[in-house]
Protein backbone atom coordinates (compact mmCIF):
# COMPACT_ATOMS: atom_id res chain seq x y z
CA MET A 1 -65.49 -85.18 -94.76
CA ASN A 2 -61.73 -85.66 -95.06
CA HIS A 3 -59.22 -85.14 -92.31
CA ASP A 4 -57.70 -81.92 -93.75
CA ARG A 5 -61.11 -80.28 -94.06
CA ILE A 6 -61.96 -81.12 -90.45
CA ILE A 7 -58.72 -79.47 -89.33
CA MET A 8 -59.51 -76.35 -91.39
CA ILE A 9 -62.99 -76.05 -89.87
CA LEU A 10 -61.65 -76.51 -86.35
CA ALA A 11 -58.95 -73.89 -86.97
CA ALA A 12 -61.52 -71.40 -88.29
CA SER A 13 -63.78 -72.03 -85.31
CA LEU A 14 -60.90 -71.53 -82.90
CA LEU A 15 -59.94 -68.27 -84.60
CA ALA A 16 -63.52 -67.03 -84.31
CA ILE A 17 -63.55 -67.84 -80.60
CA VAL A 18 -60.26 -65.99 -80.10
CA LEU A 19 -61.53 -62.94 -81.98
CA ILE A 20 -64.76 -62.89 -79.98
CA GLY A 21 -62.69 -63.16 -76.82
CA GLU A 22 -60.59 -60.17 -77.86
CA VAL A 23 -63.71 -58.09 -78.46
CA VAL A 24 -64.92 -58.93 -74.97
CA VAL A 25 -61.56 -58.10 -73.44
CA TYR A 26 -61.18 -54.76 -75.17
CA THR A 27 -64.76 -53.53 -75.07
CA SER A 28 -65.99 -54.73 -71.70
CA SER A 29 -63.21 -53.23 -69.60
CA THR A 30 -64.59 -51.49 -66.51
CA ASP A 31 -61.25 -50.21 -65.18
CA SER A 32 -61.38 -46.75 -63.66
CA PHE A 33 -58.49 -44.51 -62.64
CA ASP A 34 -58.01 -41.45 -60.48
CA VAL A 35 -54.80 -39.63 -59.55
CA ASN A 36 -53.97 -36.62 -57.41
CA ALA A 37 -50.88 -34.76 -56.20
CA GLU A 38 -50.24 -31.80 -53.89
CA TYR A 39 -47.14 -29.90 -52.74
CA GLU A 40 -46.68 -29.00 -49.08
CA ASP A 41 -43.64 -28.27 -46.90
CA GLY A 42 -40.98 -29.55 -49.26
CA SER A 43 -42.69 -32.73 -50.43
CA VAL A 44 -45.26 -33.85 -52.98
CA SER A 45 -47.91 -36.23 -51.73
CA TYR A 46 -49.69 -38.33 -54.34
CA SER A 47 -52.56 -40.79 -54.50
CA ILE A 48 -53.41 -43.31 -57.19
CA SER A 49 -56.72 -45.17 -57.32
CA VAL A 50 -57.36 -48.08 -59.69
CA SER A 51 -60.14 -50.62 -60.08
CA GLY A 52 -57.81 -53.26 -61.47
CA SER A 53 -54.08 -53.87 -61.27
CA GLN A 54 -51.65 -51.35 -62.77
CA ALA A 55 -48.04 -50.25 -62.60
CA TYR A 56 -47.65 -46.53 -61.97
CA ASN A 57 -45.02 -43.79 -62.37
CA VAL A 58 -44.94 -40.37 -60.72
CA ILE A 59 -42.59 -37.69 -62.05
CA VAL A 60 -42.32 -34.30 -60.32
CA ILE A 61 -41.02 -31.73 -62.76
CA GLU A 62 -39.71 -28.18 -62.70
CA ASN A 63 -40.37 -26.48 -66.03
CA GLY A 64 -39.46 -23.15 -67.57
CA MET A 65 -42.74 -22.92 -69.50
CA ALA A 66 -46.26 -23.03 -68.10
CA PRO A 67 -48.38 -26.01 -69.21
CA MET A 68 -49.94 -25.82 -72.66
CA THR A 69 -53.57 -24.79 -73.00
CA GLU A 70 -54.17 -26.27 -76.47
CA LEU A 71 -52.49 -28.35 -79.17
CA TYR A 72 -52.90 -27.67 -82.89
CA ILE A 73 -52.35 -30.55 -85.32
CA PHE A 74 -51.69 -29.62 -88.94
CA TYR A 75 -53.44 -31.94 -91.37
CA ASP A 76 -54.48 -30.91 -94.86
CA PRO A 77 -55.01 -33.63 -97.47
CA GLU A 78 -55.07 -30.89 -100.13
CA TYR A 79 -51.43 -30.07 -99.36
CA ALA A 80 -48.49 -32.21 -100.43
CA SER A 81 -46.55 -34.17 -97.82
CA CYS A 82 -43.09 -35.75 -97.81
CA THR A 83 -42.91 -38.33 -95.07
CA GLN A 84 -42.62 -42.06 -95.06
CA ALA A 85 -43.55 -44.60 -92.44
CA GLU A 86 -41.53 -47.51 -91.16
CA LYS A 87 -42.80 -50.90 -92.26
CA GLY A 88 -45.26 -52.48 -89.84
CA PRO A 89 -46.38 -56.06 -89.33
CA ILE A 90 -47.72 -57.88 -92.39
CA GLY A 91 -51.37 -57.02 -92.88
CA SER A 92 -51.30 -53.98 -90.60
CA LYS A 93 -52.74 -50.64 -91.69
CA PRO A 94 -50.08 -48.31 -93.16
CA LEU A 95 -49.04 -45.61 -90.70
CA ASP A 96 -49.72 -42.62 -92.92
CA GLN A 97 -50.43 -39.15 -91.57
CA LYS A 98 -54.14 -39.77 -91.04
CA ASN A 99 -53.66 -43.10 -89.28
CA TYR A 100 -50.84 -41.69 -87.15
CA ILE A 101 -53.02 -38.76 -86.05
CA ASP A 102 -56.01 -41.00 -85.29
CA GLN A 103 -53.91 -43.28 -83.09
CA PHE A 104 -52.13 -40.34 -81.47
CA LEU A 105 -55.44 -38.71 -80.53
CA TYR A 106 -56.77 -41.96 -79.08
CA SER A 107 -53.69 -42.38 -76.87
CA LEU A 108 -53.49 -38.69 -75.96
CA ALA A 109 -57.08 -38.69 -74.74
CA ALA A 110 -56.17 -41.39 -72.21
CA ALA A 111 -52.96 -39.68 -71.09
CA SER A 112 -54.05 -36.02 -71.02
CA ASP A 113 -57.02 -33.67 -70.93
CA LEU A 114 -55.27 -31.20 -73.27
CA PRO A 115 -57.68 -29.70 -75.86
CA VAL A 116 -56.74 -30.48 -79.48
CA ARG A 117 -57.70 -28.89 -82.79
CA ILE A 118 -56.93 -30.41 -86.22
CA LEU A 119 -56.41 -27.56 -88.69
CA ASN A 120 -55.88 -27.32 -92.43
CA ALA A 121 -53.42 -24.81 -93.85
CA GLU A 122 -55.72 -21.80 -93.91
CA GLU A 123 -57.20 -22.59 -90.50
CA LEU A 124 -53.70 -22.95 -89.07
CA LYS A 125 -52.62 -19.60 -90.52
CA ASP A 126 -55.67 -17.90 -88.99
CA ALA A 127 -55.20 -19.52 -85.58
CA MET A 128 -51.49 -18.67 -85.40
CA SER A 129 -52.12 -15.12 -86.60
CA ASP A 130 -54.66 -14.67 -83.81
CA ASP A 131 -52.15 -15.98 -81.27
CA VAL A 132 -49.28 -13.68 -82.24
CA GLY A 133 -48.91 -10.71 -79.94
CA SER A 134 -50.03 -12.63 -76.85
CA ASP A 135 -48.25 -14.88 -74.37
CA ILE A 136 -48.71 -18.10 -76.34
CA ARG A 137 -49.13 -21.34 -74.39
CA LYS A 138 -50.07 -23.52 -77.33
CA GLY A 139 -48.36 -26.28 -79.28
CA LEU A 140 -48.31 -27.27 -82.94
CA LEU A 141 -47.74 -30.83 -84.15
CA VAL A 142 -46.59 -31.29 -87.75
CA LEU A 143 -46.23 -34.76 -89.30
CA SER A 144 -46.34 -33.85 -92.99
CA GLY A 145 -42.58 -33.48 -93.46
CA ALA A 146 -43.03 -29.88 -94.62
CA LEU A 147 -44.61 -26.81 -93.07
CA PRO A 148 -47.37 -25.24 -95.19
CA ASP A 149 -46.47 -22.22 -97.28
CA VAL A 150 -48.99 -20.01 -95.49
CA ILE A 151 -46.81 -20.07 -92.35
CA TYR A 152 -43.31 -20.85 -93.72
CA LYS A 153 -41.30 -20.23 -96.89
CA GLY A 154 -37.79 -20.07 -95.49
CA THR A 155 -37.56 -16.42 -94.40
CA SER A 156 -37.16 -14.90 -90.95
CA ALA A 157 -40.41 -12.96 -91.44
CA ASP A 158 -42.51 -16.12 -91.72
CA LEU A 159 -45.52 -16.50 -89.43
CA VAL A 160 -44.14 -19.63 -87.75
CA PHE A 161 -41.21 -17.62 -86.34
CA GLN A 162 -43.46 -14.86 -85.04
CA TRP A 163 -45.53 -17.54 -83.34
CA LEU A 164 -42.48 -19.29 -81.86
CA GLY A 165 -41.11 -15.94 -80.74
CA ASP A 166 -44.20 -15.32 -78.62
CA GLY A 167 -43.97 -18.68 -76.87
CA GLY A 168 -45.39 -21.28 -79.27
CA ARG A 169 -44.13 -24.86 -79.11
CA LEU A 170 -43.46 -26.81 -82.30
CA TYR A 171 -43.51 -30.62 -82.20
CA TRP A 172 -41.96 -32.10 -85.33
CA ALA A 173 -41.58 -35.64 -86.67
CA GLY A 174 -41.09 -37.34 -90.01
CA ASN A 175 -38.44 -35.44 -92.01
CA ILE A 176 -35.86 -32.65 -91.87
CA LEU A 177 -37.36 -29.60 -90.18
CA GLY A 178 -37.32 -26.52 -92.42
CA LYS A 179 -35.77 -28.12 -95.52
CA TYR A 180 -39.08 -28.03 -97.40
CA TYR A 181 -42.33 -26.18 -97.47
CA SER A 182 -45.59 -27.55 -98.77
CA THR A 183 -48.17 -26.19 -101.20
CA ALA A 184 -51.31 -27.57 -102.79
CA ALA A 185 -49.23 -28.15 -105.92
CA GLY A 186 -46.28 -29.96 -104.34
CA ILE A 187 -43.17 -29.76 -102.19
CA GLU A 188 -40.67 -26.91 -102.54
CA ASP A 189 -37.04 -26.89 -101.39
CA VAL A 190 -35.81 -24.10 -99.13
CA SER A 191 -32.53 -22.67 -100.39
CA SER A 192 -31.75 -20.48 -97.37
CA GLU A 193 -29.87 -21.54 -94.23
CA TYR A 194 -33.11 -22.90 -92.85
CA GLN A 195 -31.58 -24.61 -89.81
CA LYS A 196 -30.26 -21.31 -88.50
CA LEU A 197 -33.76 -19.83 -88.74
CA PHE A 198 -35.04 -22.42 -86.27
CA PHE A 199 -32.00 -23.17 -84.10
CA GLY A 200 -29.41 -20.46 -84.77
CA THR A 201 -26.96 -23.14 -85.95
CA GLU A 202 -26.60 -26.22 -88.16
CA CYS A 203 -27.61 -29.20 -86.04
CA LEU A 204 -29.93 -31.56 -87.96
CA ASP A 205 -29.12 -34.89 -89.55
CA THR A 206 -29.67 -34.25 -93.26
CA ASP A 207 -28.35 -37.58 -94.58
CA THR A 208 -31.58 -39.25 -95.64
CA LEU A 209 -29.83 -42.15 -97.38
CA GLY A 210 -29.19 -44.07 -94.17
CA ASN A 211 -30.96 -47.22 -93.04
CA GLY A 212 -32.82 -45.58 -90.19
CA PHE A 213 -29.81 -44.79 -87.99
CA VAL A 214 -30.61 -47.02 -85.07
CA SER A 215 -28.90 -46.25 -81.76
CA ASN A 216 -28.69 -48.49 -78.73
CA ASP A 217 -26.90 -45.85 -76.65
CA PHE A 218 -28.77 -43.71 -74.15
CA THR A 219 -28.81 -39.94 -73.93
CA ARG A 220 -26.91 -38.26 -71.12
CA GLY A 221 -27.49 -35.09 -69.12
CA GLU A 222 -30.09 -33.66 -66.77
CA THR A 223 -33.08 -35.52 -68.20
CA ALA A 224 -31.44 -38.76 -69.33
CA SER A 225 -33.49 -40.67 -66.75
CA LEU A 226 -36.67 -39.73 -68.61
CA ARG A 227 -35.92 -42.49 -71.12
CA TYR A 228 -36.95 -44.87 -68.36
CA ASP A 229 -39.32 -42.61 -66.43
CA LEU A 230 -41.46 -41.90 -69.52
CA ALA A 231 -41.08 -45.37 -71.11
CA ILE A 232 -39.40 -43.95 -74.24
CA LYS A 233 -39.18 -46.56 -77.00
CA ASN A 234 -38.04 -45.11 -80.33
CA ASN A 235 -34.28 -45.47 -80.93
CA ARG A 236 -34.16 -43.98 -84.44
CA VAL A 237 -31.96 -40.89 -84.76
CA LYS A 238 -32.46 -40.18 -88.48
CA TYR A 239 -33.43 -36.48 -88.96
CA GLY A 240 -32.47 -35.96 -85.31
CA MET A 241 -30.61 -33.11 -83.65
CA ASP A 242 -26.90 -33.04 -82.86
CA THR A 243 -26.64 -32.07 -79.20
CA ALA A 244 -22.93 -31.27 -79.55
CA ALA A 245 -23.83 -28.57 -82.08
CA LEU A 246 -26.42 -27.17 -79.68
CA ASP A 247 -23.82 -27.16 -76.89
CA ALA A 248 -21.34 -25.33 -79.11
CA HIS A 249 -23.94 -22.69 -79.98
CA GLY A 250 -25.09 -22.31 -76.38
CA ASN A 251 -28.68 -23.45 -76.92
CA LYS A 252 -30.62 -24.54 -73.89
CA TYR A 253 -32.05 -28.01 -74.53
CA ARG A 254 -33.03 -31.34 -73.06
CA ALA A 255 -32.35 -34.68 -74.77
CA LEU A 256 -33.98 -37.95 -73.84
CA GLY A 257 -34.29 -41.39 -75.30
CA TYR A 258 -31.42 -42.68 -77.39
CA ALA A 259 -28.34 -41.06 -78.87
CA ASP A 260 -25.76 -41.92 -81.51
CA ASP A 261 -22.49 -41.18 -79.74
CA ALA A 262 -20.52 -41.44 -82.99
CA GLN A 263 -22.53 -38.73 -84.76
CA GLY A 264 -24.17 -36.97 -81.81
CA TYR A 265 -27.80 -37.24 -82.95
CA ALA A 266 -30.55 -37.94 -80.41
CA SER A 267 -33.97 -39.54 -80.81
CA ILE A 268 -35.78 -36.75 -78.93
CA VAL A 269 -34.54 -33.20 -78.33
CA LEU A 270 -36.46 -30.25 -76.93
CA THR A 271 -34.62 -26.97 -77.50
CA GLU A 272 -35.30 -23.29 -77.10
CA TYR A 273 -36.25 -21.17 -80.08
CA THR A 274 -33.34 -18.76 -79.99
CA GLY A 275 -35.38 -15.98 -81.61
CA GLY A 276 -37.82 -15.69 -78.74
CA LYS A 277 -39.72 -17.47 -75.97
CA GLY A 278 -40.80 -20.63 -77.77
CA MET A 279 -39.61 -24.21 -77.98
CA ILE A 280 -38.97 -26.78 -80.70
CA CYS A 281 -39.18 -30.53 -80.14
CA VAL A 282 -37.77 -32.86 -82.81
CA LEU A 283 -38.62 -36.56 -82.67
CA ALA A 284 -36.22 -38.40 -84.94
CA GLY A 285 -36.93 -41.15 -87.43
CA ASP A 286 -39.62 -41.84 -89.99
CA LEU A 287 -43.20 -42.11 -88.77
CA SER A 288 -43.47 -45.15 -86.51
CA ARG A 289 -45.58 -46.58 -83.73
CA ASN A 290 -42.81 -46.25 -81.16
CA GLN A 291 -42.27 -42.62 -82.14
CA ARG A 292 -46.00 -41.94 -81.80
CA SER A 293 -46.01 -43.52 -78.33
CA ASP A 294 -43.07 -41.30 -77.31
CA LEU A 295 -44.82 -38.22 -78.70
CA VAL A 296 -47.85 -38.89 -76.51
CA GLN A 297 -45.63 -39.07 -73.43
CA VAL A 298 -43.66 -35.93 -74.32
CA VAL A 299 -46.82 -33.87 -74.91
CA SER A 300 -48.75 -35.29 -71.95
CA SER A 301 -45.92 -34.82 -69.46
CA GLY A 302 -45.48 -31.16 -70.42
CA ILE A 303 -41.68 -31.32 -70.41
CA ASP A 304 -39.76 -28.52 -72.11
CA HIS A 305 -36.22 -27.43 -72.98
CA SER A 306 -35.40 -26.45 -69.38
CA THR A 307 -37.08 -29.30 -67.51
CA ASN A 308 -35.50 -30.51 -64.27
CA ILE A 309 -36.56 -33.71 -62.55
CA LEU A 310 -37.31 -32.98 -58.88
CA GLY A 311 -38.25 -36.52 -57.89
CA THR A 312 -39.83 -39.75 -59.06
CA ALA A 313 -41.70 -42.73 -57.68
CA ALA A 314 -42.82 -46.00 -59.24
CA GLY A 315 -44.70 -49.06 -58.12
CA SER A 316 -47.83 -51.10 -58.70
CA GLN A 317 -51.31 -50.97 -57.25
CA ARG A 318 -53.84 -53.79 -57.18
CA TYR A 319 -57.30 -52.34 -56.66
CA GLY A 320 -57.93 -49.54 -54.19
CA THR A 321 -55.69 -46.54 -53.54
CA SER A 322 -51.94 -46.17 -53.19
CA THR A 323 -50.38 -43.08 -51.57
CA GLY A 324 -46.84 -41.80 -51.14
CA GLU A 325 -44.59 -38.78 -50.78
CA ILE A 326 -41.63 -37.49 -52.79
CA ASP A 327 -39.18 -35.06 -51.19
CA VAL A 328 -38.53 -32.20 -53.62
CA GLY A 329 -37.26 -29.31 -51.49
CA LEU A 330 -38.26 -25.69 -51.83
CA PRO A 331 -41.08 -24.73 -54.19
CA VAL A 332 -40.28 -23.53 -57.73
CA PRO A 333 -42.34 -21.18 -59.94
CA ILE A 334 -43.60 -23.90 -62.32
CA MET A 335 -43.92 -27.32 -60.69
CA THR A 336 -46.02 -30.16 -62.07
CA ALA A 337 -46.50 -33.86 -61.45
CA TYR A 338 -47.09 -36.25 -64.32
CA ILE A 339 -48.67 -39.50 -63.16
CA TYR A 340 -49.29 -42.32 -65.59
CA LEU A 341 -50.42 -45.93 -65.32
CA GLY A 342 -49.53 -48.97 -67.37
CA GLY A 343 -45.74 -49.00 -67.22
CA TYR A 344 -44.08 -49.55 -70.61
CA TYR A 345 -47.47 -49.41 -72.33
CA PRO A 346 -49.31 -46.49 -70.68
CA VAL A 347 -53.09 -46.68 -70.41
CA TYR A 348 -53.85 -43.51 -68.46
CA GLY A 349 -52.10 -40.32 -67.39
CA ARG A 350 -52.63 -36.81 -66.09
CA LEU A 351 -50.48 -33.70 -65.67
CA LEU A 352 -51.18 -31.94 -62.36
CA VAL A 353 -50.11 -28.38 -61.56
CA LEU A 354 -48.70 -28.12 -58.04
């Protein structure tokens, strides 16, 4: 047996050992987590119990909207889509819609107990039609780059606007919101002033010829600290919203993450639907792993377009239980605490109503 062949066999054996070790690490974890928070006399007391060692973050939030009761995810392989994913590591699985949703659901289940339904076009139309006329506390995630024609064709009478008007929350990523609608036969352009239908003004980045529009600047304003507090990662602002245009129009909004000061676009913006009680959240950039991670945090934390941060705490706990208090002042109508573990790479979280 020659020297080179011996080296190859040893390398293969070592790789097998490493892979077996990874399986043990990822499948034999016995970590358990428990979190709690309560408001009393101007302060929020919290407790965090872990069986291992974890960093933790506590964010006490005042919101304008009550927590969601359910999240719809639109996915219909029979309908055309118009998104593209950023390139991943060599050999990694492409981050198409299906893969993105699978990974999102896996992470969301660890960070939230929010019920989720994956709906095709007809199922989505039926669910949204049933919701209209009530006080809607549900969200809709769309990653296809185009809303389906059964809820949107570029007119103010479309079902999606009735649903938003009654309090629905639209989470959007992967292309220019409203520019297209999707059918089973293909993608159709919308010729109307589609941005005004959603936002009341022109505010989206529509230059899709850029190189991803990377920003290393941080957002400013009331919720700028959430970039750190929620471990926001994605710094792409392509397809993003121009907060200066929202300011000029008088829209209530919250921006977090990164912002392009030269052009005004932000990586994450949550803004009011000006035609009613709902909200629209735009996560900028093509489909990416960092964007998906941010989306989990945005949905799990329950933040909205009028969120105020009442207080935060952070630390680490090695086995056992850690407790603390955050002074927040007088009670507010909708107060929640989002507690998550894992620091920059969250492994567990829960939203608690106070």
